[in-house]
């Protein structure tokens, strides 16, 4: 660990843990608010489905490009400066996305939002690794749980304001003020350093870091698949009422949030290897139930099992980054976060390709097999 880190690690306490949770909340909140504004942006810009798909790609591109840069900047200038700057990017981008009508300008604003959310997500994971290690106990699941809570708050708050007659501009301004207030509350306790700075600012993941990144890729691919394809599966394969199509992702998100908020207590009682093994098998069995049992209820139960199984795998993998010594956190965390986001982006497209060539249930079964691979791979990581 760098000299700066070693000098200040003893002073890390509850205030730093609190600030970490707030930043995770901000990352989940910003992305969820934008999700509620997507239909309005589509109408305002006069976009068809294909054009909207290209527009939405800007978010992912912004995130993936910004993550390695954010990690390097955190290593050089500290988590606090980077988290403040990138959180403000989220604040500024939301009102722009609520007012712009030009597809090109919307794409630029969405790129900024993606860069902001991705950077916050990346840097706060660097801080989370350092804070958890200083605490000497499991905290990562609870940190990631606040990302899920932020997503629920963002989506719910957006829906409430719109249902009360508020415009997208009002939603974005409320989100701006709320996010800025949360940032001001937490910023004094963000870490002034970003982990070990002795290595290179950028490096391709290798060794155990690459291995962890691949596992993250599979889990994030699973999450992206449920997000984008659960509703299609319910309506096209299980003949569910379109009005109930969103229940699949709701079941998944609910159990994932509950699992993460209770995950730290579980991790303290069982090994991280066990978490990955049981979680991977549980998620795989959930997809098997959803695809092999021909009923809507079974599909909902299956998606709920996927959420419960996946909930603590990624937090445990981030904790494993804090235990390895091959690469510094400021390089390793951006590497695995970028691979994870790539899974979210590529997963839905890959599922669509397999569904076109074979069927959607076949695509889910392939993901299930991949999750079994994650489950048995956990034994190669430090417990």
Protein backbone atom coordinates (compact mmCIF):
# COMPACT_ATOMS: atom_id res chain seq x y z
CA UNK A 1 0.00 0.00 0.00
CA UNK A 2 1.16 3.54 -0.68
CA UNK A 3 2.57 5.74 2.06
CA UNK A 4 -0.44 8.06 1.97
CA UNK A 5 -2.79 5.14 2.41
CA UNK A 6 -0.83 3.58 5.24
CA UNK A 7 -0.66 6.86 7.10
CA UNK A 8 -4.40 7.42 7.01
CA UNK A 9 -5.89 3.93 7.13
CA UNK A 10 -6.06 3.95 10.92
CA UNK A 11 -8.33 7.00 10.82
CA UNK A 12 -10.95 5.32 8.59
CA UNK A 13 -14.14 4.85 10.56
CA UNK A 14 -17.91 5.18 10.49
CA UNK A 15 -17.90 8.54 8.71
CA UNK A 16 -15.96 7.08 5.79
CA UNK A 17 -18.26 4.05 5.72
CA UNK A 18 -21.25 6.39 5.63
CA UNK A 19 -19.79 8.46 2.78
CA UNK A 20 -19.14 5.27 0.82
CA UNK A 21 -22.77 4.23 1.13
CA UNK A 22 -23.97 7.65 0.01
CA UNK A 23 -21.81 7.56 -3.12
CA UNK A 24 -23.13 4.11 -4.02
CA UNK A 25 -26.64 5.49 -3.56
CA UNK A 26 -25.86 8.43 -5.90
CA UNK A 27 -24.60 6.08 -8.63
CA UNK A 28 -27.76 3.96 -8.49
CA UNK A 29 -30.03 6.99 -8.19
CA UNK A 30 -28.70 8.87 -11.22
CA UNK A 31 -29.02 5.97 -13.62
CA UNK A 32 -32.54 5.14 -12.41
CA UNK A 33 -33.80 8.71 -12.84
CA UNK A 34 -32.60 8.68 -16.43
CA UNK A 35 -34.40 5.35 -17.03
CA UNK A 36 -37.68 7.05 -16.10
CA UNK A 37 -37.00 9.89 -18.53
CA UNK A 38 -36.15 7.69 -21.53
CA UNK A 39 -39.69 7.60 -23.04
CA UNK A 40 -39.92 11.40 -22.92
CA UNK A 41 -36.53 11.82 -24.59
CA UNK A 42 -37.58 9.35 -27.30
CA UNK A 43 -40.74 11.32 -28.06
CA UNK A 44 -39.03 14.71 -27.90
CA UNK A 45 -36.32 13.64 -30.35
CA UNK A 46 -38.73 11.76 -32.62
CA UNK A 47 -36.73 8.55 -32.43
CA UNK A 48 -37.78 5.07 -33.53
CA UNK A 49 -36.69 1.98 -31.63
CA UNK A 50 -33.47 1.58 -33.61
CA UNK A 51 -32.48 5.21 -33.12
CA UNK A 52 -33.22 4.99 -29.42
CA UNK A 53 -31.02 1.90 -29.16
CA UNK A 54 -28.12 3.78 -30.72
CA UNK A 55 -28.75 6.73 -28.40
CA UNK A 56 -28.74 4.52 -25.31
CA UNK A 57 -25.41 3.08 -26.38
CA UNK A 58 -23.87 6.47 -25.55
CA UNK A 59 -24.36 5.79 -21.84
CA UNK A 60 -22.38 2.55 -21.96
CA UNK A 61 -19.64 4.03 -24.14
CA UNK A 62 -19.25 6.95 -21.74
CA UNK A 63 -19.02 4.60 -18.77
CA UNK A 64 -16.47 2.23 -20.26
CA UNK A 65 -14.22 5.02 -21.54
CA UNK A 66 -14.34 6.95 -18.26
CA UNK A 67 -13.72 4.09 -15.80
CA UNK A 68 -9.99 3.49 -16.37
CA UNK A 69 -9.41 7.25 -16.46
CA UNK A 70 -11.35 7.71 -13.21
CA UNK A 71 -9.29 5.02 -11.51
CA UNK A 72 -6.05 6.66 -12.63
CA UNK A 73 -7.23 10.08 -11.44
CA UNK A 74 -8.29 8.64 -8.09
CA UNK A 75 -4.85 7.12 -7.67
CA UNK A 76 -3.23 10.47 -8.41
CA UNK A 77 -5.61 13.00 -6.81
CA UNK A 78 -7.60 10.90 -4.34
CA UNK A 79 -11.15 9.54 -4.29
CA UNK A 80 -12.68 12.75 -2.89
CA UNK A 81 -11.81 15.05 -5.79
CA UNK A 82 -12.83 12.55 -8.44
CA UNK A 83 -16.10 11.60 -6.70
CA UNK A 84 -17.11 15.26 -6.31
CA UNK A 85 -16.32 16.08 -9.96
CA UNK A 86 -18.03 13.02 -11.42
CA UNK A 87 -21.09 13.28 -9.16
CA UNK A 88 -21.52 16.86 -10.39
CA UNK A 89 -21.39 15.48 -13.95
CA UNK A 90 -24.43 13.37 -13.06
CA UNK A 91 -26.19 16.41 -11.60
CA UNK A 92 -25.59 18.54 -14.70
CA UNK A 93 -26.43 15.84 -17.25
CA UNK A 94 -29.94 15.07 -15.95
CA UNK A 95 -31.52 18.51 -16.67
CA UNK A 96 -29.90 18.47 -20.12
CA UNK A 97 -31.42 15.06 -20.84
CA UNK A 98 -34.83 16.35 -19.73
CA UNK A 99 -34.80 19.34 -22.12
CA UNK A 100 -32.71 18.59 -25.21
CA UNK A 101 -34.45 17.41 -28.39
CA UNK A 102 -31.54 17.04 -30.80
CA UNK A 103 -30.45 13.37 -31.01
CA UNK A 104 -26.81 14.42 -31.26
CA UNK A 105 -27.00 16.67 -28.20
CA UNK A 106 -28.93 14.01 -26.29
CA UNK A 107 -26.21 11.50 -27.15
CA UNK A 108 -23.56 13.91 -25.87
CA UNK A 109 -25.46 14.51 -22.63
CA UNK A 110 -26.03 10.79 -22.19
CA UNK A 111 -22.31 10.19 -22.74
CA UNK A 112 -21.62 12.65 -19.91
CA UNK A 113 -24.15 10.92 -17.66
CA UNK A 114 -22.65 7.51 -18.44
CA UNK A 115 -19.16 8.82 -17.78
CA UNK A 116 -20.32 10.34 -14.49
CA UNK A 117 -22.22 7.30 -13.22
CA UNK A 118 -19.51 4.90 -14.37
CA UNK A 119 -16.77 6.97 -12.76
CA UNK A 120 -18.62 7.27 -9.46
CA UNK A 121 -19.28 3.52 -9.51
CA UNK A 122 -15.63 2.80 -10.24
CA UNK A 123 -14.03 5.18 -7.74
CA UNK A 124 -16.41 4.40 -4.93
CA UNK A 125 -15.52 0.73 -5.31
CA UNK A 126 -11.86 1.71 -4.88
CA UNK A 127 -12.83 3.53 -1.69
CA UNK A 128 -15.01 0.62 -0.61
CA UNK A 129 -12.10 -1.83 -0.92
CA UNK A 130 -9.89 0.43 1.22
CA UNK A 131 -12.60 1.13 3.83
CA UNK A 132 -13.57 -2.53 4.17
CA UNK A 133 -9.94 -3.58 4.57
CA UNK A 134 -9.37 -0.93 7.25
CA UNK A 135 -12.52 -2.05 9.10
CA UNK A 136 -11.35 -5.66 9.11
CA UNK A 137 -14.86 -6.99 8.52
CA UNK A 138 -17.28 -7.55 5.65
CA UNK A 139 -18.94 -4.34 4.43
CA UNK A 140 -19.01 -4.68 0.65
CA UNK A 141 -22.46 -6.25 0.28
CA UNK A 142 -24.04 -3.43 2.28
CA UNK A 143 -22.21 -0.86 0.18
CA UNK A 144 -23.51 -2.42 -3.04
CA UNK A 145 -26.95 -2.70 -1.48
CA UNK A 146 -27.12 1.09 -1.33
CA UNK A 147 -26.64 1.17 -5.12
CA UNK A 148 -29.81 -0.93 -5.40
CA UNK A 149 -31.62 1.28 -2.88
CA UNK A 150 -30.57 4.33 -4.91
CA UNK A 151 -32.01 2.72 -8.02
CA UNK A 152 -35.31 2.04 -6.29
CA UNK A 153 -35.42 5.61 -4.93
CA UNK A 154 -34.61 7.12 -8.31
CA UNK A 155 -37.18 5.07 -10.21
CA UNK A 156 -39.83 5.46 -7.51
CA UNK A 157 -39.28 9.18 -7.04
CA UNK A 158 -39.41 9.77 -10.79
CA UNK A 159 -42.68 7.85 -11.06
CA UNK A 160 -44.26 9.72 -8.15
CA UNK A 161 -43.41 13.17 -9.51
CA UNK A 162 -44.62 12.28 -13.00
CA UNK A 163 -47.85 10.73 -11.68
CA UNK A 164 -48.54 13.95 -9.76
CA UNK A 165 -48.34 15.91 -13.00
CA UNK A 166 -44.71 17.01 -12.81
CA UNK A 167 -42.74 17.36 -16.02
CA UNK A 168 -39.44 15.67 -16.87
CA UNK A 169 -37.76 19.03 -16.20
CA UNK A 170 -39.18 19.08 -12.68
CA UNK A 171 -37.99 15.51 -12.15
CA UNK A 172 -34.47 16.40 -13.31
CA UNK A 173 -34.28 19.53 -11.15
CA UNK A 174 -35.45 17.66 -8.06
CA UNK A 175 -32.86 14.97 -8.81
CA UNK A 176 -30.20 17.66 -9.28
CA UNK A 177 -30.90 19.29 -5.91
CA UNK A 178 -31.25 15.98 -4.09
CA UNK A 179 -28.03 14.56 -5.53
CA UNK A 180 -26.11 17.77 -4.81
CA UNK A 181 -27.37 17.73 -1.21
CA UNK A 182 -26.35 14.10 -0.72
CA UNK A 183 -22.95 14.87 -2.21
CA UNK A 184 -22.41 17.85 0.09
CA UNK A 185 -23.35 15.67 3.07
CA UNK A 186 -20.89 12.90 2.22
CA UNK A 187 -18.00 14.69 0.46
CA UNK A 188 -16.06 15.74 3.58
CA UNK A 189 -15.54 12.06 4.41
CA UNK A 190 -14.50 10.77 1.00
CA UNK A 191 -10.92 9.50 1.08
CA UNK A 192 -8.24 11.97 0.05
CA UNK A 193 -6.21 9.19 -1.57
CA UNK A 194 -7.04 6.32 -3.90
CA UNK A 195 -4.99 3.33 -2.85
CA UNK A 196 -1.57 2.19 -3.99
CA UNK A 197 -0.08 4.56 -6.57
CA UNK A 198 3.23 2.76 -7.03
CA UNK A 199 2.15 0.90 -10.19
CA UNK A 200 1.16 2.18 -13.65
CA UNK A 201 -1.91 4.38 -14.08
CA UNK A 202 -3.33 1.99 -16.69
CA UNK A 203 -2.80 -1.74 -17.17
CA UNK A 204 -4.66 -4.61 -18.75
CA UNK A 205 -6.07 -7.03 -16.16
CA UNK A 206 -4.05 -10.20 -15.79
CA UNK A 207 -3.68 -13.13 -13.44
CA UNK A 208 -6.19 -13.26 -10.62
CA UNK A 209 -7.55 -9.79 -11.53
CA UNK A 210 -8.49 -11.01 -15.00
CA UNK A 211 -10.02 -14.13 -13.44
CA UNK A 212 -12.14 -12.01 -11.08
CA UNK A 213 -13.08 -9.73 -13.99
CA UNK A 214 -14.35 -12.67 -16.04
CA UNK A 215 -16.52 -13.83 -13.13
CA UNK A 216 -17.88 -10.26 -12.79
CA UNK A 217 -18.55 -10.22 -16.53
CA UNK A 218 -20.72 -13.35 -16.28
CA UNK A 219 -22.68 -12.10 -13.26
CA UNK A 220 -23.25 -8.66 -14.80
CA UNK A 221 -24.22 -10.35 -18.09
CA UNK A 222 -26.84 -12.25 -16.12
CA UNK A 223 -28.16 -9.04 -14.57
CA UNK A 224 -28.33 -7.32 -17.95
CA UNK A 225 -30.13 -10.30 -19.44
CA UNK A 226 -32.81 -10.26 -16.75
CA UNK A 227 -33.17 -6.50 -17.06
CA UNK A 228 -33.74 -6.51 -20.80
CA UNK A 229 -35.24 -9.93 -21.50
CA UNK A 230 -37.33 -11.03 -18.50
CA UNK A 231 -40.38 -9.06 -19.68
CA UNK A 232 -40.02 -10.43 -23.22
CA UNK A 233 -39.69 -13.97 -21.83
CA UNK A 234 -42.84 -13.62 -19.73
CA UNK A 235 -44.96 -12.25 -22.56
CA UNK A 236 -43.65 -14.25 -25.53
CA UNK A 237 -42.77 -17.57 -23.89
CA UNK A 238 -45.13 -17.74 -20.93
CA UNK A 239 -48.02 -15.71 -22.47
CA UNK A 240 -48.18 -13.35 -19.50
CA UNK A 241 -50.33 -10.23 -19.64
CA UNK A 242 -48.13 -7.35 -20.91
CA UNK A 243 -49.30 -5.32 -17.91
CA UNK A 244 -47.51 -7.83 -15.67
CA UNK A 245 -44.35 -8.12 -17.77
CA UNK A 246 -42.31 -5.95 -15.40
CA UNK A 247 -42.88 -8.30 -12.49
CA UNK A 248 -39.98 -10.50 -13.58
CA UNK A 249 -37.39 -7.79 -13.12
CA UNK A 250 -39.19 -6.55 -9.99
CA UNK A 251 -38.84 -10.02 -8.43
CA UNK A 252 -35.16 -10.12 -9.40
CA UNK A 253 -34.39 -6.61 -8.11
CA UNK A 254 -36.26 -7.12 -4.84
CA UNK A 255 -34.39 -10.27 -3.83
CA UNK A 256 -31.09 -8.79 -4.98
CA UNK A 257 -31.59 -5.70 -2.80
CA UNK A 258 -32.62 -7.76 0.22
CA UNK A 259 -29.70 -10.12 -0.34
CA UNK A 260 -27.16 -7.31 -0.49
CA UNK A 261 -28.49 -5.45 2.52
CA UNK A 262 -28.26 -8.63 4.57
CA UNK A 263 -25.13 -9.90 2.85
CA UNK A 264 -22.49 -8.54 5.23
CA UNK A 265 -23.91 -10.55 8.12
CA UNK A 266 -23.90 -13.67 5.95
CA UNK A 267 -20.32 -13.13 4.74
CA UNK A 268 -19.15 -12.79 8.34
CA UNK A 269 -20.55 -16.25 9.11
CA UNK A 270 -19.52 -18.21 6.02
CA UNK A 271 -16.54 -18.02 3.69
CA UNK A 272 -16.55 -15.94 0.53
CA UNK A 273 -15.92 -19.16 -1.40
CA UNK A 274 -19.19 -20.52 -0.04
CA UNK A 275 -21.02 -17.33 -1.01
CA UNK A 276 -19.85 -17.69 -4.61
CA UNK A 277 -20.61 -21.43 -4.71
CA UNK A 278 -24.09 -21.23 -3.21
CA UNK A 279 -24.94 -17.96 -4.95
CA UNK A 280 -23.88 -19.22 -8.37
CA UNK A 281 -25.80 -22.48 -7.98
CA UNK A 282 -28.88 -20.64 -6.67
CA UNK A 283 -28.86 -18.22 -9.60
CA UNK A 284 -28.32 -21.06 -12.08
CA UNK A 285 -31.20 -23.04 -10.56
CA UNK A 286 -33.41 -19.97 -10.80
CA UNK A 287 -32.86 -19.74 -14.56
CA UNK A 288 -33.48 -23.48 -14.86
CA UNK A 289 -36.78 -23.14 -13.01
CA UNK A 290 -37.81 -20.15 -15.13
CA UNK A 291 -37.05 -21.89 -18.41
CA UNK A 292 -38.04 -25.50 -17.70
CA UNK A 293 -41.23 -25.09 -15.64
CA UNK A 294 -43.99 -23.79 -17.96
CA UNK A 295 -45.80 -21.28 -15.79
CA UNK A 296 -45.68 -17.55 -15.11
CA UNK A 297 -45.41 -18.13 -11.36
CA UNK A 298 -42.44 -20.46 -11.80
CA UNK A 299 -40.73 -17.84 -13.97
CA UNK A 300 -41.22 -15.19 -11.30
CA UNK A 301 -39.88 -17.52 -8.62
CA UNK A 302 -36.96 -18.35 -10.88
CA UNK A 303 -36.08 -14.69 -11.48
CA UNK A 304 -36.32 -14.07 -7.73
CA UNK A 305 -33.84 -16.91 -7.14
CA UNK A 306 -31.48 -15.39 -9.71
CA UNK A 307 -31.56 -12.08 -7.84
CA UNK A 308 -30.92 -13.76 -4.49
CA UNK A 309 -28.10 -15.87 -5.90
CA UNK A 310 -26.33 -13.04 -7.72
CA UNK A 311 -26.77 -10.50 -4.93
CA UNK A 312 -23.54 -11.08 -3.04
CA UNK A 313 -21.25 -12.58 -5.68
CA UNK A 314 -20.05 -9.26 -7.09
CA UNK A 315 -19.47 -7.66 -3.65
CA UNK A 316 -17.43 -10.72 -2.63
CA UNK A 317 -15.41 -10.45 -5.85
CA UNK A 318 -14.64 -6.80 -5.12
CA UNK A 319 -13.51 -7.82 -1.63
CA UNK A 320 -11.20 -10.34 -3.28
CA UNK A 321 -9.59 -7.46 -5.19
CA UNK A 322 -8.65 -5.98 -1.83
CA UNK A 323 -6.83 -9.20 -0.92
CA UNK A 324 -4.76 -9.62 -4.08
CA UNK A 325 -1.39 -7.94 -4.44
CA UNK A 326 -0.80 -8.35 -8.18
CA UNK A 327 -2.29 -4.98 -9.16
CA UNK A 328 -3.08 -1.84 -7.08
CA UNK A 329 -6.75 -1.03 -6.41
CA UNK A 330 -6.66 2.09 -8.55
CA UNK A 331 -5.93 -0.12 -11.58
CA UNK A 332 -7.59 -3.44 -10.62
CA UNK A 333 -10.98 -2.01 -9.62
CA UNK A 334 -11.47 -0.04 -12.88
CA UNK A 335 -10.42 -3.14 -14.81
CA UNK A 336 -13.03 -5.45 -13.29
CA UNK A 337 -15.70 -2.72 -13.23
CA UNK A 338 -15.17 -2.12 -16.95
CA UNK A 339 -15.43 -5.85 -17.64
CA UNK A 340 -18.62 -5.92 -15.58
CA UNK A 341 -20.18 -3.05 -17.51
CA UNK A 342 -19.16 -4.77 -20.74
CA UNK A 343 -21.19 -7.76 -19.55
CA UNK A 344 -24.24 -5.55 -18.97
CA UNK A 345 -23.89 -4.07 -22.46
CA UNK A 346 -23.05 -7.28 -24.32
CA UNK A 347 -25.35 -9.60 -22.40
CA UNK A 348 -28.68 -8.43 -23.83
CA UNK A 349 -27.25 -8.42 -27.37
CA UNK A 350 -25.82 -11.92 -26.95
CA UNK A 351 -29.12 -13.17 -25.55
CA UNK A 352 -30.91 -11.64 -28.54
CA UNK A 353 -28.56 -13.36 -30.98
CA UNK A 354 -29.00 -16.78 -29.36
CA UNK A 355 -32.77 -16.24 -29.15
CA UNK A 356 -32.82 -15.46 -32.87
CA UNK A 357 -30.75 -18.51 -33.80
CA UNK A 358 -32.36 -20.91 -31.32
CA UNK A 359 -34.79 -19.62 -28.66
CA UNK A 360 -34.93 -17.36 -25.62
CA UNK A 361 -35.16 -20.32 -23.18
CA UNK A 362 -32.02 -21.77 -24.82
CA UNK A 363 -30.22 -18.46 -24.25
CA UNK A 364 -31.19 -18.47 -20.57
CA UNK A 365 -29.98 -22.07 -20.23
CA UNK A 366 -26.57 -21.06 -21.60
CA UNK A 367 -26.38 -18.29 -18.99
CA UNK A 368 -27.34 -20.87 -16.35
CA UNK A 369 -24.40 -23.07 -17.36
CA UNK A 370 -22.09 -20.03 -17.15
CA UNK A 371 -23.31 -19.36 -13.62
CA UNK A 372 -22.46 -22.94 -12.63
CA UNK A 373 -18.97 -22.16 -13.89
CA UNK A 374 -18.87 -19.11 -11.60
CA UNK A 375 -20.01 -21.25 -8.67
CA UNK A 376 -17.24 -23.82 -9.00
CA UNK A 377 -14.60 -21.16 -9.73
CA UNK A 378 -14.98 -19.51 -6.34
CA UNK A 379 -12.70 -22.07 -4.71
CA UNK A 380 -9.73 -20.56 -6.53
CA UNK A 381 -10.11 -17.26 -4.67
CA UNK A 382 -8.89 -16.44 -1.18
CA UNK A 383 -11.65 -17.05 1.36
